[in-house]
Amino acid sequence: MDLLLQVLINGILQGGLYAIVALGLALVWGVLNIVNLAHGAFIMLGAYISWYSFQWLHLDPFLGLPLTAVLMFCVGYAIQRGILNLIVRSPMFNTLLITFGMEVVLTYLAQLVFSADFRTINPDYSGQNVTLGGLTIPLVRLAACLMAIALTLIMWYFLLRTRLGRAIRATAQNLSAARLYGVEPRHLYAVTFGLGLALAGAAGGLYGTVSQINPYIGATLTAKSFAIAIIGGLDTPLGVIAGGLILGLIESLTTLYIGPTYADVASFGVLVLVLIVRPTGLLGRTA
């Protein structure tokens, strides 16, 4: 029983981190209808920014997240305004091609600039644990999970309660009506994509505290982000939290009872099941 509880705790901690990993993709997909195949590569870029700010500027990885998020927001705004806005209303296949090309370019540029060496962000407290009822909780994983859930809830509040958030949701639901109320789509799309990349950058910074960084982590993170967004639904950030927790628990339990080789098989098996039973996701609105 103690082993099972420890595995469940690990799954919850991993699932909280997965939520922030997928949130940027879900935001861009739900609002702009852009399936960003380069999402994982941008997470990787955010992880390297956090690593360099930790190594060179000696910023705590959690305190350095705002810097990473701001830099990634600027990158996202420029990409959407200069490139993706040109084809935002074209068939989805065009955006798939462009974002896939970005993923390939970013991956090989990262290998050229950063090398293929594995790197980790190790603050002084990285080896400390919290003991609760006989269960061991790594302090860094706990902090990363709580920070990820906090950022997800902040984004939920932003979309529901702020003027800009309501404009983003209105544009996603009815572009013509949003224009009648004075929304400028090109700027709003760029802001939305920038927010998606800011979240990806924050996710990369948190990911670097609990796992190794290399230029090739992007493809796996993109695949997991797709699974989480589809399982939870694109309508609300709370669905992304649910999808992340479900995926984290499934991977942990599969690793315990079957083996680590089958963790991804089980996760994507659940994805297929959700697509068959409830295509809009567990918390998504049905048509």
Protein backbone atom coordinates (compact mmCIF):
# COMPACT_ATOMS: atom_id res chain seq x y z
CA MET A 1 0.00 0.00 0.00
CA ASP A 2 2.83 2.41 0.80
CA LEU A 3 4.35 1.71 -2.60
CA LEU A 4 1.02 2.35 -4.33
CA LEU A 5 0.53 5.63 -2.47
CA GLN A 6 4.06 6.71 -3.38
CA VAL A 7 3.39 5.92 -7.04
CA LEU A 8 0.11 7.86 -6.93
CA ILE A 9 1.88 10.87 -5.41
CA ASN A 10 4.52 10.71 -8.14
CA GLY A 11 1.78 10.48 -10.77
CA ILE A 12 -0.01 13.54 -9.40
CA LEU A 13 3.23 15.54 -9.31
CA GLN A 14 4.02 14.50 -12.88
CA GLY A 15 0.47 15.24 -14.00
CA GLY A 16 0.58 18.76 -12.58
CA LEU A 17 3.68 19.45 -14.64
CA TYR A 18 2.04 17.91 -17.71
CA ALA A 19 -0.82 20.40 -17.35
CA ILE A 20 1.41 23.42 -17.92
CA VAL A 21 3.25 21.56 -20.69
CA ALA A 22 0.00 21.22 -22.64
CA LEU A 23 -1.68 24.50 -21.73
CA GLY A 24 0.06 26.64 -24.38
CA LEU A 25 -0.82 24.18 -27.15
CA ALA A 26 -4.44 23.97 -25.99
CA LEU A 27 -4.74 27.78 -25.91
CA VAL A 28 -3.37 28.24 -29.43
CA TRP A 29 -5.33 25.30 -30.81
CA GLY A 30 -8.60 26.32 -29.17
CA VAL A 31 -8.43 30.02 -30.11
CA LEU A 32 -6.49 30.19 -33.36
CA ASN A 33 -7.26 26.69 -34.64
CA ILE A 34 -3.52 26.29 -35.20
CA VAL A 35 -2.18 22.85 -34.38
CA ASN A 36 1.31 23.87 -33.33
CA LEU A 37 3.63 20.96 -34.11
CA ALA A 38 6.56 23.08 -32.88
CA HIS A 39 5.09 23.37 -29.38
CA GLY A 40 7.55 20.90 -27.84
CA ALA A 41 10.47 22.63 -29.54
CA PHE A 42 9.42 25.93 -27.95
CA ILE A 43 9.27 24.19 -24.56
CA MET A 44 12.80 22.99 -25.21
CA LEU A 45 13.86 26.55 -26.06
CA GLY A 46 12.30 27.83 -22.84
CA ALA A 47 14.18 25.14 -20.90
CA TYR A 48 17.49 26.32 -22.36
CA ILE A 49 16.68 29.95 -21.57
CA SER A 50 16.02 28.96 -17.96
CA TRP A 51 19.21 26.91 -17.86
CA TYR A 52 21.34 29.80 -19.09
CA SER A 53 19.65 32.29 -16.75
CA PHE A 54 20.41 29.88 -13.90
CA GLN A 55 24.02 29.31 -14.96
CA TRP A 56 24.98 32.82 -16.08
CA LEU A 57 22.66 35.14 -14.13
CA HIS A 58 22.44 32.84 -11.10
CA LEU A 59 18.66 33.21 -11.05
CA ASP A 60 16.69 30.65 -9.10
CA PRO A 61 14.84 28.56 -11.73
CA PHE A 62 11.45 29.44 -10.24
CA LEU A 63 12.22 33.14 -9.85
CA GLY A 64 13.59 33.18 -13.41
CA LEU A 65 10.33 31.96 -14.95
CA PRO A 66 8.98 35.51 -15.61
CA LEU A 67 12.12 36.34 -17.64
CA THR A 68 11.73 33.16 -19.69
CA ALA A 69 8.01 33.79 -20.20
CA VAL A 70 8.54 37.39 -21.37
CA LEU A 71 11.25 36.40 -23.85
CA MET A 72 9.12 33.59 -25.24
CA PHE A 73 6.09 35.90 -25.47
CA CYS A 74 8.11 38.27 -27.65
CA VAL A 75 9.20 35.37 -29.87
CA GLY A 76 5.62 34.13 -30.17
CA TYR A 77 4.19 37.56 -30.95
CA ALA A 78 6.77 38.09 -33.70
CA ILE A 79 6.20 34.65 -35.25
CA GLN A 80 2.42 35.00 -35.29
CA ARG A 81 2.45 38.60 -36.52
CA GLY A 82 5.10 38.04 -39.18
CA ILE A 83 4.42 34.49 -40.39
CA LEU A 84 1.36 32.67 -39.11
CA ASN A 85 -1.09 35.53 -39.56
CA LEU A 86 -0.46 35.23 -43.28
CA ILE A 87 -2.02 31.77 -43.37
CA VAL A 88 -4.24 31.76 -40.26
CA ARG A 89 -7.42 31.39 -42.36
CA SER A 90 -5.94 28.95 -44.86
CA PRO A 91 -6.47 25.16 -44.66
CA MET A 92 -5.06 23.53 -41.54
CA PHE A 93 -2.60 21.53 -43.64
CA ASN A 94 -0.66 24.75 -44.34
CA THR A 95 -0.23 25.54 -40.65
CA LEU A 96 0.78 21.94 -39.99
CA LEU A 97 3.51 22.22 -42.61
CA ILE A 98 4.80 25.55 -41.31
CA THR A 99 4.84 24.55 -37.64
CA PHE A 100 6.44 21.20 -38.49
CA GLY A 101 9.13 23.10 -40.40
CA MET A 102 9.66 25.33 -37.35
CA GLU A 103 10.05 22.24 -35.17
CA VAL A 104 12.72 20.78 -37.46
CA VAL A 105 14.61 24.08 -37.74
CA LEU A 106 14.50 24.77 -33.98
CA THR A 107 15.66 21.25 -33.14
CA TYR A 108 18.71 21.35 -35.39
CA LEU A 109 19.55 24.95 -34.49
CA ALA A 110 19.45 23.93 -30.82
CA GLN A 111 21.80 21.05 -31.54
CA LEU A 112 24.15 23.43 -33.36
CA VAL A 113 24.07 26.13 -30.65
CA PHE A 114 23.67 24.13 -27.44
CA SER A 115 25.16 20.77 -28.55
CA ALA A 116 23.45 17.44 -27.86
CA ASP A 117 24.72 17.19 -24.27
CA PHE A 118 22.19 16.50 -21.53
CA ARG A 119 21.76 19.36 -19.07
CA THR A 120 19.75 19.84 -15.89
CA ILE A 121 18.84 22.80 -13.71
CA ASN A 122 20.04 21.86 -10.23
CA PRO A 123 19.47 24.48 -7.53
CA ASP A 124 20.92 23.93 -4.05
CA TYR A 125 17.68 22.42 -2.76
CA SER A 126 17.26 19.95 -5.65
CA GLY A 127 18.07 16.96 -3.43
CA GLN A 128 15.74 17.87 -0.57
CA ASN A 129 12.54 15.94 0.17
CA VAL A 130 9.36 16.48 2.13
CA THR A 131 8.21 13.52 4.25
CA LEU A 132 4.47 13.19 4.80
CA GLY A 133 3.02 10.14 6.54
CA GLY A 134 5.88 7.93 5.45
CA LEU A 135 5.73 9.18 1.86
CA THR A 136 8.71 10.94 0.28
CA ILE A 137 7.94 13.95 -1.89
CA PRO A 138 10.84 15.57 -3.78
CA LEU A 139 10.80 19.28 -2.99
CA VAL A 140 11.59 20.41 -6.54
CA ARG A 141 8.90 18.20 -8.06
CA LEU A 142 6.37 19.47 -5.53
CA ALA A 143 7.30 23.10 -6.24
CA ALA A 144 7.16 22.51 -10.02
CA CYS A 145 3.73 20.86 -9.75
CA LEU A 146 2.29 23.62 -7.56
CA MET A 147 3.74 26.32 -9.82
CA ALA A 148 2.33 24.61 -12.90
CA ILE A 149 -1.16 24.33 -11.42
CA ALA A 150 -0.99 27.94 -10.19
CA LEU A 151 -0.08 29.20 -13.68
CA THR A 152 -2.91 27.14 -15.19
CA LEU A 153 -5.43 28.60 -12.73
CA ILE A 154 -4.10 32.13 -13.39
CA MET A 155 -4.64 31.57 -17.11
CA TRP A 156 -8.17 30.31 -16.41
CA TYR A 157 -8.92 33.46 -14.40
CA PHE A 158 -7.35 35.63 -17.11
CA LEU A 159 -9.54 34.13 -19.84
CA LEU A 160 -12.72 34.40 -17.77
CA ARG A 161 -12.37 37.68 -15.90
CA THR A 162 -10.16 40.10 -17.83
CA ARG A 163 -11.12 42.23 -20.82
CA LEU A 164 -8.34 40.80 -22.98
CA GLY A 165 -9.24 37.26 -21.95
CA ARG A 166 -12.89 37.79 -22.88
CA ALA A 167 -11.78 39.24 -26.23
CA ILE A 168 -9.70 36.12 -26.88
CA ARG A 169 -12.63 33.85 -26.06
CA ALA A 170 -15.01 35.95 -28.14
CA THR A 171 -12.68 35.77 -31.13
CA ALA A 172 -12.46 32.00 -30.77
CA GLN A 173 -16.25 31.65 -30.64
CA ASN A 174 -17.34 34.15 -33.30
CA LEU A 175 -14.79 36.21 -35.23
CA SER A 176 -17.37 38.33 -37.07
CA ALA A 177 -19.16 39.35 -33.88
CA ALA A 178 -15.83 40.10 -32.17
CA ARG A 179 -14.87 42.44 -35.03
CA LEU A 180 -18.15 44.33 -34.61
CA TYR A 181 -17.13 45.02 -31.00
CA GLY A 182 -13.81 46.51 -32.07
CA VAL A 183 -11.48 43.51 -31.74
CA GLU A 184 -8.45 43.71 -34.05
CA PRO A 185 -7.84 40.05 -35.00
CA ARG A 186 -4.22 40.27 -36.18
CA HIS A 187 -3.04 41.83 -32.91
CA LEU A 188 -5.20 39.52 -30.80
CA TYR A 189 -3.97 36.43 -32.63
CA ALA A 190 -0.38 37.54 -32.07
CA VAL A 191 -1.05 38.13 -28.36
CA THR A 192 -2.67 34.70 -28.06
CA PHE A 193 0.22 32.93 -29.76
CA GLY A 194 2.63 34.92 -27.60
CA LEU A 195 0.79 33.78 -24.49
CA GLY A 196 0.96 30.21 -25.74
CA LEU A 197 4.72 30.45 -26.14
CA ALA A 198 5.09 32.22 -22.79
CA LEU A 199 3.36 29.23 -21.18
CA ALA A 200 5.58 26.89 -23.19
CA GLY A 201 8.65 28.76 -21.94
CA ALA A 202 7.47 28.52 -18.33
CA ALA A 203 6.78 24.82 -18.87
CA GLY A 204 10.30 24.39 -20.20
CA GLY A 205 11.78 26.09 -17.16
CA LEU A 206 9.80 23.82 -14.82
CA TYR A 207 10.59 20.75 -16.90
CA GLY A 208 14.31 21.49 -16.67
CA THR A 209 14.18 21.32 -12.87
CA VAL A 210 12.85 17.75 -12.84
CA SER A 211 14.28 16.20 -16.00
CA GLN A 212 17.19 16.41 -18.39
CA ILE A 213 17.27 18.87 -21.26
CA ASN A 214 18.51 18.16 -24.77
CA PRO A 215 17.51 19.41 -28.24
CA TYR A 216 15.36 16.35 -28.95
CA ILE A 217 12.84 16.48 -26.11
CA GLY A 218 10.40 18.50 -28.22
CA ALA A 219 8.75 15.70 -30.21
CA THR A 220 7.85 13.71 -27.09
CA LEU A 221 6.48 16.78 -25.30
CA THR A 222 4.39 17.73 -28.33
CA ALA A 223 2.86 14.25 -28.45
CA LYS A 224 2.05 14.33 -24.74
CA SER A 225 0.58 17.82 -25.09
CA PHE A 226 -1.74 16.56 -27.84
CA ALA A 227 -2.86 13.67 -25.66
CA ILE A 228 -3.51 15.90 -22.63
CA ALA A 229 -5.39 18.55 -24.61
CA ILE A 230 -7.62 15.95 -26.26
CA ILE A 231 -8.27 13.96 -23.07
CA GLY A 232 -9.16 17.03 -21.01
CA GLY A 233 -10.75 19.16 -23.72
CA LEU A 234 -9.85 22.51 -25.26
CA ASP A 235 -12.66 24.58 -23.76
CA THR A 236 -11.12 25.36 -20.37
CA PRO A 237 -7.72 25.24 -18.68
CA LEU A 238 -9.33 23.07 -15.99
CA GLY A 239 -9.68 20.38 -18.64
CA VAL A 240 -5.95 20.59 -19.27
CA ILE A 241 -5.30 20.08 -15.55
CA ALA A 242 -7.59 17.04 -15.56
CA GLY A 243 -5.92 15.64 -18.68
CA GLY A 244 -2.45 16.16 -17.23
CA LEU A 245 -3.33 14.46 -13.94
CA ILE A 246 -4.94 11.54 -15.74
CA LEU A 247 -1.92 11.07 -17.97
CA GLY A 248 0.51 11.31 -15.05
CA LEU A 249 -1.42 8.74 -13.00
CA ILE A 250 -1.76 6.35 -15.93
CA GLU A 251 1.96 6.48 -16.66
CA SER A 252 2.88 5.93 -12.99
CA LEU A 253 0.50 3.00 -12.49
CA THR A 254 1.51 1.39 -15.76
CA THR A 255 5.17 1.69 -14.82
CA LEU A 256 4.46 0.02 -11.46
CA TYR A 257 2.26 -2.87 -12.57
CA ILE A 258 3.32 -3.54 -16.17
CA GLY A 259 6.64 -1.83 -16.82
CA PRO A 260 8.04 1.51 -17.96
CA THR A 261 8.15 0.33 -21.58
CA TYR A 262 4.35 0.35 -21.75
CA ALA A 263 3.69 3.74 -20.11
CA ASP A 264 3.30 5.57 -23.42
CA VAL A 265 1.25 2.71 -24.86
CA ALA A 266 -1.23 2.97 -22.00
CA SER A 267 -1.40 6.77 -22.23
CA PHE A 268 -2.16 6.84 -25.92
CA GLY A 269 -4.53 3.91 -25.51
CA VAL A 270 -6.59 6.10 -23.16
CA LEU A 271 -6.36 8.89 -25.76
CA VAL A 272 -7.90 6.61 -28.41
CA LEU A 273 -10.62 5.54 -25.97
CA VAL A 274 -11.52 9.16 -25.19
CA LEU A 275 -11.66 10.00 -28.90
CA ILE A 276 -14.10 7.15 -29.43
CA VAL A 277 -16.32 7.74 -26.39
CA ARG A 278 -16.15 11.54 -25.98
CA PRO A 279 -14.31 13.31 -28.84
CA THR A 280 -14.65 16.76 -27.22
CA GLY A 281 -12.65 15.64 -24.17
CA LEU A 282 -13.71 14.81 -20.63
CA LEU A 283 -14.48 18.44 -19.70
CA GLY A 284 -15.15 19.74 -23.21
CA ARG A 285 -18.56 20.97 -24.28
CA THR A 286 -20.56 18.60 -26.45
CA ALA A 287 -22.03 19.90 -29.67
